[in-house]
């Protein structure tokens, strides 16, 4: 079984190059991930306005376009975006108990409801940090990323 025919490879066909493999998984997986986070962030500012959700999503997804364009800056911008999203969503989660809208309702919540809310927020934060960590490691170590975004595969092999 050889390389995917839609994936560019070096002449010998063994070196992965192009937007395929795990890099393609990252691009596709980032779309729902970023939509979810865009919704959370739009709710932080303007009660989940759809135009704000779309604007935040387009801003956060712009590094994905660099991948599709095979820009040499794509790996760096995607790693930066991963950590910006993780940190901002962490701040968003940490701010929930202090939100003025929830302050009145917070007095009516039982301890069990608080535990459930904090658990959900913790899962979101840990998931975001894990996503950023895993994909940062991928961008730093992947032969496909190095070959795709640093020029020709032969040049990348000599570096």
N, C-alpha and C. Protein backbone atom coordinates (compact mmCIF):
# COMPACT_ATOMS: atom_id res chain seq x y z
N UNK A 1 0.86 -1.18 0.00
CA UNK A 1 0.00 0.00 0.00
C UNK A 1 0.89 1.23 0.00
N UNK A 2 0.82 2.04 -1.01
CA UNK A 2 1.67 3.21 -1.17
C UNK A 2 1.05 4.45 -0.58
N UNK A 3 1.67 5.58 -0.82
CA UNK A 3 1.15 6.83 -0.30
C UNK A 3 -0.17 7.21 -0.98
N UNK A 4 -0.91 8.04 -0.31
CA UNK A 4 -2.18 8.54 -0.84
C UNK A 4 -1.90 9.26 -2.16
N UNK A 5 -2.63 8.93 -3.21
CA UNK A 5 -2.35 9.57 -4.50
C UNK A 5 -2.57 11.08 -4.51
N UNK A 6 -3.36 11.60 -3.57
CA UNK A 6 -3.60 13.04 -3.51
C UNK A 6 -2.53 13.77 -2.70
N UNK A 7 -1.59 13.02 -2.15
CA UNK A 7 -0.55 13.60 -1.33
C UNK A 7 0.73 13.71 -2.14
N UNK A 8 1.33 14.89 -2.13
CA UNK A 8 2.60 15.07 -2.80
C UNK A 8 3.67 14.32 -2.03
N UNK A 9 4.54 13.63 -2.72
CA UNK A 9 5.65 12.95 -2.06
C UNK A 9 6.92 13.19 -2.85
N UNK A 10 8.02 12.91 -2.19
CA UNK A 10 9.31 13.01 -2.86
C UNK A 10 9.34 11.98 -3.99
N UNK A 11 10.30 12.07 -4.85
CA UNK A 11 10.38 11.19 -6.02
C UNK A 11 10.31 9.72 -5.64
N UNK A 12 10.96 9.32 -4.57
CA UNK A 12 10.95 7.91 -4.20
C UNK A 12 9.62 7.48 -3.56
N UNK A 13 8.73 8.42 -3.30
CA UNK A 13 7.41 8.09 -2.79
C UNK A 13 7.34 7.73 -1.32
N UNK A 14 8.41 7.91 -0.57
CA UNK A 14 8.41 7.50 0.83
C UNK A 14 8.34 8.65 1.82
N UNK A 15 8.62 9.85 1.40
CA UNK A 15 8.62 10.99 2.31
C UNK A 15 7.29 11.72 2.25
N UNK A 16 6.60 11.83 3.38
CA UNK A 16 5.31 12.52 3.35
C UNK A 16 5.47 14.03 3.17
N UNK A 17 4.71 14.56 2.23
CA UNK A 17 4.72 15.98 1.93
C UNK A 17 3.30 16.37 1.58
N UNK A 18 2.89 17.56 1.96
CA UNK A 18 1.58 18.05 1.58
C UNK A 18 0.57 17.95 2.71
N UNK A 19 -0.61 18.46 2.45
CA UNK A 19 -1.66 18.48 3.45
C UNK A 19 -2.39 17.14 3.39
N UNK A 20 -1.92 16.22 4.18
CA UNK A 20 -2.49 14.88 4.26
C UNK A 20 -2.17 14.30 5.62
N UNK A 21 -2.50 13.05 5.82
CA UNK A 21 -2.19 12.37 7.07
C UNK A 21 -2.75 13.10 8.29
N UNK A 22 -1.94 13.15 9.34
CA UNK A 22 -2.37 13.80 10.59
C UNK A 22 -2.58 15.30 10.41
N UNK A 23 -1.90 15.89 9.48
CA UNK A 23 -2.09 17.32 9.22
C UNK A 23 -3.51 17.58 8.74
N UNK A 24 -4.02 16.70 7.91
CA UNK A 24 -5.40 16.82 7.44
C UNK A 24 -6.38 16.56 8.59
N UNK A 25 -6.05 15.63 9.46
CA UNK A 25 -6.88 15.37 10.65
C UNK A 25 -6.94 16.63 11.50
N UNK A 26 -5.80 17.29 11.67
CA UNK A 26 -5.76 18.53 12.45
C UNK A 26 -6.66 19.61 11.83
N UNK A 27 -6.57 19.80 10.53
CA UNK A 27 -7.37 20.84 9.87
C UNK A 27 -8.86 20.54 10.04
N UNK A 28 -9.25 19.31 9.77
CA UNK A 28 -10.67 18.94 9.88
C UNK A 28 -11.15 18.97 11.34
N UNK A 29 -10.32 18.48 12.25
CA UNK A 29 -10.69 18.46 13.67
C UNK A 29 -10.74 19.84 14.29
N UNK A 30 -9.99 20.76 13.74
CA UNK A 30 -9.97 22.12 14.28
C UNK A 30 -11.26 22.88 14.03
N UNK A 31 -11.97 22.53 12.99
CA UNK A 31 -13.19 23.28 12.65
C UNK A 31 -14.25 23.17 13.74
N UNK A 32 -14.68 21.97 14.17
CA UNK A 32 -15.65 21.92 15.26
C UNK A 32 -15.08 22.43 16.59
N UNK A 33 -13.80 22.17 16.80
CA UNK A 33 -13.13 22.66 18.01
C UNK A 33 -13.21 24.19 18.08
N UNK A 34 -12.88 24.85 16.99
CA UNK A 34 -12.90 26.31 16.95
C UNK A 34 -14.32 26.88 16.97
N UNK A 35 -15.26 26.18 16.37
CA UNK A 35 -16.67 26.63 16.44
C UNK A 35 -17.16 26.60 17.88
N UNK A 36 -16.84 25.54 18.60
CA UNK A 36 -17.23 25.42 20.01
C UNK A 36 -16.63 26.56 20.84
N UNK A 37 -15.35 26.80 20.64
CA UNK A 37 -14.68 27.86 21.39
C UNK A 37 -15.16 29.24 20.97
N UNK A 38 -15.45 29.42 19.70
CA UNK A 38 -15.97 30.70 19.22
C UNK A 38 -17.32 31.00 19.87
N UNK A 39 -18.15 29.97 20.00
CA UNK A 39 -19.45 30.16 20.65
C UNK A 39 -19.25 30.58 22.10
N UNK A 40 -18.35 29.91 22.80
CA UNK A 40 -18.09 30.27 24.19
C UNK A 40 -17.57 31.69 24.34
N UNK A 41 -16.69 32.07 23.44
CA UNK A 41 -16.13 33.43 23.52
C UNK A 41 -17.15 34.48 23.12
N UNK A 42 -18.00 34.19 22.14
CA UNK A 42 -19.01 35.18 21.75
C UNK A 42 -20.01 35.39 22.89
N UNK A 43 -20.28 34.34 23.65
CA UNK A 43 -21.17 34.48 24.80
C UNK A 43 -20.56 35.30 25.93
N UNK A 44 -19.26 35.33 25.97
CA UNK A 44 -18.56 36.11 26.99
C UNK A 44 -18.74 37.60 26.74
N UNK A 45 -18.83 37.98 25.48
CA UNK A 45 -18.89 39.39 25.13
C UNK A 45 -20.29 39.92 24.84
N UNK A 46 -21.06 39.22 24.02
CA UNK A 46 -22.34 39.77 23.57
C UNK A 46 -23.46 38.73 23.51
N UNK A 47 -23.70 38.01 24.53
CA UNK A 47 -24.84 37.11 24.62
C UNK A 47 -25.02 36.26 23.37
N UNK A 48 -23.93 35.67 22.90
CA UNK A 48 -23.95 34.70 21.80
C UNK A 48 -24.47 35.26 20.48
N UNK A 49 -24.07 36.46 20.13
CA UNK A 49 -24.46 37.05 18.86
C UNK A 49 -23.83 36.25 17.72
N UNK A 50 -24.65 35.86 16.74
CA UNK A 50 -24.17 35.01 15.65
C UNK A 50 -23.10 35.70 14.82
N UNK A 51 -23.21 37.00 14.61
CA UNK A 51 -22.20 37.71 13.83
C UNK A 51 -20.86 37.72 14.55
N UNK A 52 -20.90 37.80 15.90
CA UNK A 52 -19.67 37.78 16.67
C UNK A 52 -19.06 36.38 16.67
N UNK A 53 -19.91 35.37 16.78
CA UNK A 53 -19.44 33.99 16.71
C UNK A 53 -18.72 33.77 15.37
N UNK A 54 -19.32 34.21 14.27
CA UNK A 54 -18.72 34.05 12.95
C UNK A 54 -17.39 34.81 12.84
N UNK A 55 -17.35 36.02 13.37
CA UNK A 55 -16.13 36.82 13.30
C UNK A 55 -15.00 36.17 14.12
N UNK A 56 -15.33 35.70 15.31
CA UNK A 56 -14.32 35.04 16.15
C UNK A 56 -13.84 33.77 15.47
N UNK A 57 -14.78 32.99 14.91
CA UNK A 57 -14.39 31.76 14.22
C UNK A 57 -13.45 32.05 13.06
N UNK A 58 -13.78 33.04 12.24
CA UNK A 58 -12.92 33.36 11.10
C UNK A 58 -11.54 33.80 11.55
N UNK A 59 -11.48 34.56 12.62
CA UNK A 59 -10.19 34.99 13.16
C UNK A 59 -9.38 33.79 13.65
N UNK A 60 -10.04 32.92 14.44
CA UNK A 60 -9.33 31.77 14.99
C UNK A 60 -8.96 30.74 13.93
N UNK A 61 -9.76 30.65 12.87
CA UNK A 61 -9.51 29.67 11.81
C UNK A 61 -8.53 30.16 10.75
N UNK A 62 -8.16 31.42 10.79
CA UNK A 62 -7.27 31.95 9.75
C UNK A 62 -5.93 31.21 9.66
N UNK A 63 -5.34 30.72 10.76
CA UNK A 63 -4.10 29.94 10.60
C UNK A 63 -4.30 28.64 9.81
N UNK A 64 -5.52 28.11 9.80
CA UNK A 64 -5.79 26.90 9.02
C UNK A 64 -5.64 27.18 7.52
N UNK A 65 -6.00 28.39 7.12
CA UNK A 65 -5.86 28.77 5.71
C UNK A 65 -4.39 28.76 5.30
N UNK A 66 -3.51 29.16 6.22
CA UNK A 66 -2.08 29.13 5.93
C UNK A 66 -1.60 27.71 5.64
N UNK A 67 -2.20 26.74 6.33
CA UNK A 67 -1.85 25.33 6.06
C UNK A 67 -2.28 24.96 4.64
N UNK A 68 -3.51 25.31 4.30
CA UNK A 68 -4.02 24.96 2.98
C UNK A 68 -3.22 25.64 1.86
N UNK A 69 -2.70 26.83 2.16
CA UNK A 69 -1.87 27.54 1.19
C UNK A 69 -0.41 27.09 1.23
N UNK A 70 -0.09 26.21 2.17
CA UNK A 70 1.27 25.69 2.38
C UNK A 70 2.28 26.81 2.65
N UNK A 71 1.84 27.79 3.41
CA UNK A 71 2.71 28.89 3.78
C UNK A 71 3.77 28.42 4.77
N UNK A 72 5.01 28.86 4.61
CA UNK A 72 6.06 28.49 5.57
C UNK A 72 5.76 28.97 6.99
N UNK A 73 4.88 29.95 7.12
CA UNK A 73 4.52 30.47 8.44
C UNK A 73 3.41 29.67 9.11
N UNK A 74 2.81 28.73 8.42
CA UNK A 74 1.66 27.98 8.94
C UNK A 74 1.93 27.27 10.26
N UNK A 75 3.02 26.52 10.40
CA UNK A 75 3.23 25.83 11.68
C UNK A 75 3.31 26.80 12.86
N UNK A 76 4.08 27.86 12.71
CA UNK A 76 4.24 28.81 13.82
C UNK A 76 2.91 29.47 14.17
N UNK A 77 2.17 29.94 13.17
CA UNK A 77 0.91 30.61 13.44
C UNK A 77 -0.13 29.67 14.04
N UNK A 78 -0.12 28.41 13.63
CA UNK A 78 -1.07 27.46 14.20
C UNK A 78 -0.74 27.15 15.65
N UNK A 79 0.53 27.02 15.97
CA UNK A 79 0.92 26.79 17.37
C UNK A 79 0.54 28.00 18.23
N UNK A 80 0.81 29.19 17.74
CA UNK A 80 0.42 30.41 18.48
C UNK A 80 -1.09 30.44 18.68
N UNK A 81 -1.84 30.15 17.63
CA UNK A 81 -3.30 30.16 17.72
C UNK A 81 -3.80 29.11 18.71
N UNK A 82 -3.19 27.94 18.72
CA UNK A 82 -3.59 26.88 19.66
C UNK A 82 -3.49 27.38 21.10
N UNK A 83 -2.39 28.03 21.42
CA UNK A 83 -2.17 28.47 22.79
C UNK A 83 -2.98 29.72 23.14
N UNK A 84 -3.20 30.59 22.17
CA UNK A 84 -4.06 31.75 22.42
C UNK A 84 -5.48 31.27 22.75
N UNK A 85 -5.98 30.34 21.95
CA UNK A 85 -7.33 29.80 22.20
C UNK A 85 -7.38 29.12 23.56
N UNK A 86 -6.39 28.31 23.88
CA UNK A 86 -6.38 27.60 25.16
C UNK A 86 -6.36 28.58 26.34
N UNK A 87 -5.54 29.62 26.24
CA UNK A 87 -5.45 30.58 27.34
C UNK A 87 -6.72 31.44 27.46
N UNK A 88 -7.26 31.86 26.33
CA UNK A 88 -8.46 32.70 26.38
C UNK A 88 -9.66 31.89 26.88
N UNK A 89 -9.79 30.65 26.47
CA UNK A 89 -10.91 29.85 26.94
C UNK A 89 -10.73 29.51 28.42
N UNK A 90 -9.50 29.41 28.88
CA UNK A 90 -9.24 29.21 30.31
C UNK A 90 -9.69 30.44 31.09
N UNK A 91 -9.37 31.63 30.59
CA UNK A 91 -9.83 32.85 31.23
C UNK A 91 -11.35 32.94 31.22
N UNK A 92 -11.94 32.54 30.10
CA UNK A 92 -13.41 32.55 29.98
C UNK A 92 -14.03 31.63 31.02
N UNK A 93 -13.48 30.43 31.16
CA UNK A 93 -14.01 29.47 32.14
C UNK A 93 -13.82 29.97 33.56
N UNK A 94 -12.67 30.58 33.84
CA UNK A 94 -12.40 31.09 35.18
C UNK A 94 -13.32 32.26 35.53
N UNK A 95 -13.78 32.99 34.53
CA UNK A 95 -14.63 34.17 34.76
C UNK A 95 -16.10 33.81 34.99
N UNK A 96 -16.51 32.60 34.66
CA UNK A 96 -17.92 32.23 34.76
C UNK A 96 -18.50 32.48 36.16
N UNK A 97 -17.85 32.05 37.22
CA UNK A 97 -18.44 32.30 38.55
C UNK A 97 -18.54 33.78 38.92
N UNK A 98 -17.75 34.61 38.26
CA UNK A 98 -17.74 36.04 38.59
C UNK A 98 -18.59 36.88 37.64
N UNK A 99 -19.20 36.25 36.68
CA UNK A 99 -20.04 36.93 35.70
C UNK A 99 -21.25 37.53 36.42
N UNK A 100 -21.54 38.79 36.14
CA UNK A 100 -22.66 39.47 36.81
C UNK A 100 -24.00 38.80 36.53
N UNK A 101 -24.16 38.23 35.34
CA UNK A 101 -25.41 37.55 35.02
C UNK A 101 -25.63 36.31 35.87
N UNK A 102 -24.54 35.66 36.26
CA UNK A 102 -24.68 34.44 37.05
C UNK A 102 -24.63 34.71 38.55
N UNK A 103 -24.32 35.95 38.93
CA UNK A 103 -24.17 36.26 40.34
C UNK A 103 -25.47 36.03 41.11
N UNK A 104 -26.58 36.54 40.58
CA UNK A 104 -27.87 36.34 41.25
C UNK A 104 -28.28 34.89 41.24
N UNK A 105 -28.08 34.25 40.10
CA UNK A 105 -28.43 32.83 40.00
C UNK A 105 -27.49 31.97 40.85
N UNK A 106 -26.28 32.45 41.07
CA UNK A 106 -25.31 31.68 41.84
C UNK A 106 -25.78 31.46 43.27
N UNK A 107 -26.48 32.42 43.82
CA UNK A 107 -26.97 32.29 45.19
C UNK A 107 -28.05 31.22 45.29
N UNK A 108 -28.73 30.97 44.17
CA UNK A 108 -29.79 29.98 44.16
C UNK A 108 -29.28 28.58 43.84
N UNK A 109 -28.03 28.45 43.42
CA UNK A 109 -27.49 27.14 43.04
C UNK A 109 -27.11 26.33 44.27
N UNK A 110 -27.34 25.04 44.15
CA UNK A 110 -26.94 24.12 45.21
C UNK A 110 -25.46 23.78 45.05
N UNK A 111 -24.84 23.27 46.08
CA UNK A 111 -23.43 22.86 45.95
C UNK A 111 -23.23 21.81 44.85
N UNK A 112 -24.19 20.93 44.67
CA UNK A 112 -24.08 19.92 43.62
C UNK A 112 -24.06 20.56 42.23
N UNK A 113 -24.87 21.61 42.04
CA UNK A 113 -24.88 22.32 40.76
C UNK A 113 -23.54 23.01 40.51
N UNK A 114 -22.97 23.57 41.57
CA UNK A 114 -21.66 24.21 41.43
C UNK A 114 -20.59 23.19 41.06
N UNK A 115 -20.63 22.03 41.69
CA UNK A 115 -19.66 20.98 41.39
C UNK A 115 -19.78 20.56 39.93
N UNK A 116 -21.02 20.38 39.46
CA UNK A 116 -21.24 19.99 38.06
C UNK A 116 -20.74 21.08 37.10
N UNK A 117 -21.03 22.34 37.41
CA UNK A 117 -20.59 23.44 36.54
C UNK A 117 -19.07 23.53 36.50
N UNK A 118 -18.45 23.41 37.64
CA UNK A 118 -16.98 23.49 37.70
C UNK A 118 -16.36 22.29 36.98
N UNK A 119 -16.97 21.13 37.08
CA UNK A 119 -16.46 19.94 36.38
C UNK A 119 -16.53 20.14 34.87
N UNK A 120 -17.63 20.69 34.40
CA UNK A 120 -17.77 20.95 32.96
C UNK A 120 -16.72 21.95 32.49
N UNK A 121 -16.55 23.02 33.25
CA UNK A 121 -15.54 24.03 32.88
C UNK A 121 -14.13 23.44 32.91
N UNK A 122 -13.87 22.57 33.89
CA UNK A 122 -12.55 21.94 33.98
C UNK A 122 -12.30 21.04 32.77
N UNK A 123 -13.31 20.31 32.34
CA UNK A 123 -13.16 19.46 31.16
C UNK A 123 -12.86 20.31 29.92
N UNK A 124 -13.54 21.43 29.78
CA UNK A 124 -13.29 22.32 28.65
C UNK A 124 -11.86 22.85 28.68
N UNK A 125 -11.41 23.28 29.83
CA UNK A 125 -10.05 23.82 29.96
C UNK A 125 -9.01 22.73 29.72
N UNK A 126 -9.18 21.58 30.35
CA UNK A 126 -8.22 20.49 30.17
C UNK A 126 -8.21 20.02 28.72
N UNK A 127 -9.39 19.94 28.11
CA UNK A 127 -9.46 19.56 26.69
C UNK A 127 -8.74 20.54 25.80
N UNK A 128 -8.90 21.82 26.06
CA UNK A 128 -8.22 22.85 25.26
C UNK A 128 -6.71 22.77 25.44
N UNK A 129 -6.27 22.60 26.67
CA UNK A 129 -4.83 22.51 26.94
C UNK A 129 -4.24 21.23 26.33
N UNK A 130 -4.99 20.14 26.40
CA UNK A 130 -4.52 18.88 25.80
C UNK A 130 -4.43 19.01 24.28
N UNK A 131 -5.46 19.61 23.67
CA UNK A 131 -5.47 19.82 22.22
C UNK A 131 -4.25 20.64 21.81
N UNK A 132 -3.99 21.72 22.53
CA UNK A 132 -2.85 22.58 22.20
C UNK A 132 -1.53 21.83 22.40
N UNK A 133 -1.42 21.05 23.44
CA UNK A 133 -0.18 20.32 23.72
C UNK A 133 0.09 19.26 22.66
N UNK A 134 -0.92 18.47 22.34
CA UNK A 134 -0.76 17.39 21.36
C UNK A 134 -0.38 17.95 19.99
N UNK A 135 -1.09 18.96 19.53
CA UNK A 135 -0.83 19.49 18.19
C UNK A 135 0.44 20.32 18.14
N UNK A 136 0.83 20.95 19.24
CA UNK A 136 2.12 21.64 19.27
C UNK A 136 3.24 20.63 19.09
N UNK A 137 3.15 19.51 19.79
CA UNK A 137 4.16 18.46 19.64
C UNK A 137 4.18 17.95 18.20
N UNK A 138 3.02 17.78 17.61
CA UNK A 138 2.95 17.33 16.22
C UNK A 138 3.64 18.32 15.29
N UNK A 139 3.31 19.60 15.42
CA UNK A 139 3.90 20.61 14.54
C UNK A 139 5.42 20.69 14.72
N UNK A 140 5.89 20.43 15.91
CA UNK A 140 7.33 20.52 16.18
C UNK A 140 8.09 19.29 15.68
N UNK A 141 7.44 18.10 15.68
CA UNK A 141 8.15 16.86 15.40
C UNK A 141 7.82 16.20 14.07
N UNK A 142 6.78 16.60 13.42
CA UNK A 142 6.30 15.90 12.23
C UNK A 142 7.19 16.09 11.01
N UNK A 143 7.53 14.99 10.39
CA UNK A 143 8.29 15.01 9.15
C UNK A 143 7.44 15.63 8.04
N UNK A 144 6.15 15.32 8.00
CA UNK A 144 5.26 15.89 6.99
C UNK A 144 5.24 17.42 7.12
N UNK A 145 5.13 17.93 8.34
CA UNK A 145 5.10 19.38 8.55
C UNK A 145 6.42 20.00 8.09
N UNK A 146 7.50 19.38 8.47
CA UNK A 146 8.82 19.91 8.08
C UNK A 146 8.97 19.92 6.56
N UNK A 147 8.57 18.84 5.92
CA UNK A 147 8.71 18.75 4.47
C UNK A 147 7.76 19.68 3.73
N UNK A 148 6.58 19.84 4.24
CA UNK A 148 5.57 20.65 3.55
C UNK A 148 5.83 22.14 3.67
N UNK A 149 6.33 22.58 4.81
CA UNK A 149 6.41 24.01 5.07
C UNK A 149 7.82 24.59 5.07
N UNK A 150 8.82 23.78 4.77
CA UNK A 150 10.18 24.32 4.78
C UNK A 150 10.85 24.24 3.42
N UNK A 151 10.09 24.17 2.36
CA UNK A 151 10.68 24.06 1.03
C UNK A 151 10.57 22.64 0.53
N UNK A 152 11.51 22.22 -0.29
CA UNK A 152 11.46 20.88 -0.86
C UNK A 152 11.84 19.84 0.19
N UNK A 153 11.34 18.60 0.04
CA UNK A 153 11.70 17.55 0.99
C UNK A 153 13.21 17.28 1.04
N UNK A 154 13.89 17.43 -0.09
CA UNK A 154 15.33 17.22 -0.11
C UNK A 154 16.04 18.28 0.74
N UNK A 155 15.57 19.53 0.65
CA UNK A 155 16.15 20.60 1.48
C UNK A 155 15.89 20.33 2.95
N UNK A 156 14.69 19.89 3.28
CA UNK A 156 14.32 19.64 4.68
C UNK A 156 15.15 18.51 5.26
N UNK A 157 15.48 17.50 4.44
CA UNK A 157 16.26 16.36 4.93
C UNK A 157 17.70 16.77 5.25
N UNK A 158 18.21 17.78 4.58
CA UNK A 158 19.59 18.20 4.84
C UNK A 158 19.70 19.17 6.00
N UNK A 159 18.60 19.62 6.53
CA UNK A 159 18.66 20.58 7.66
C UNK A 159 18.81 19.88 8.97
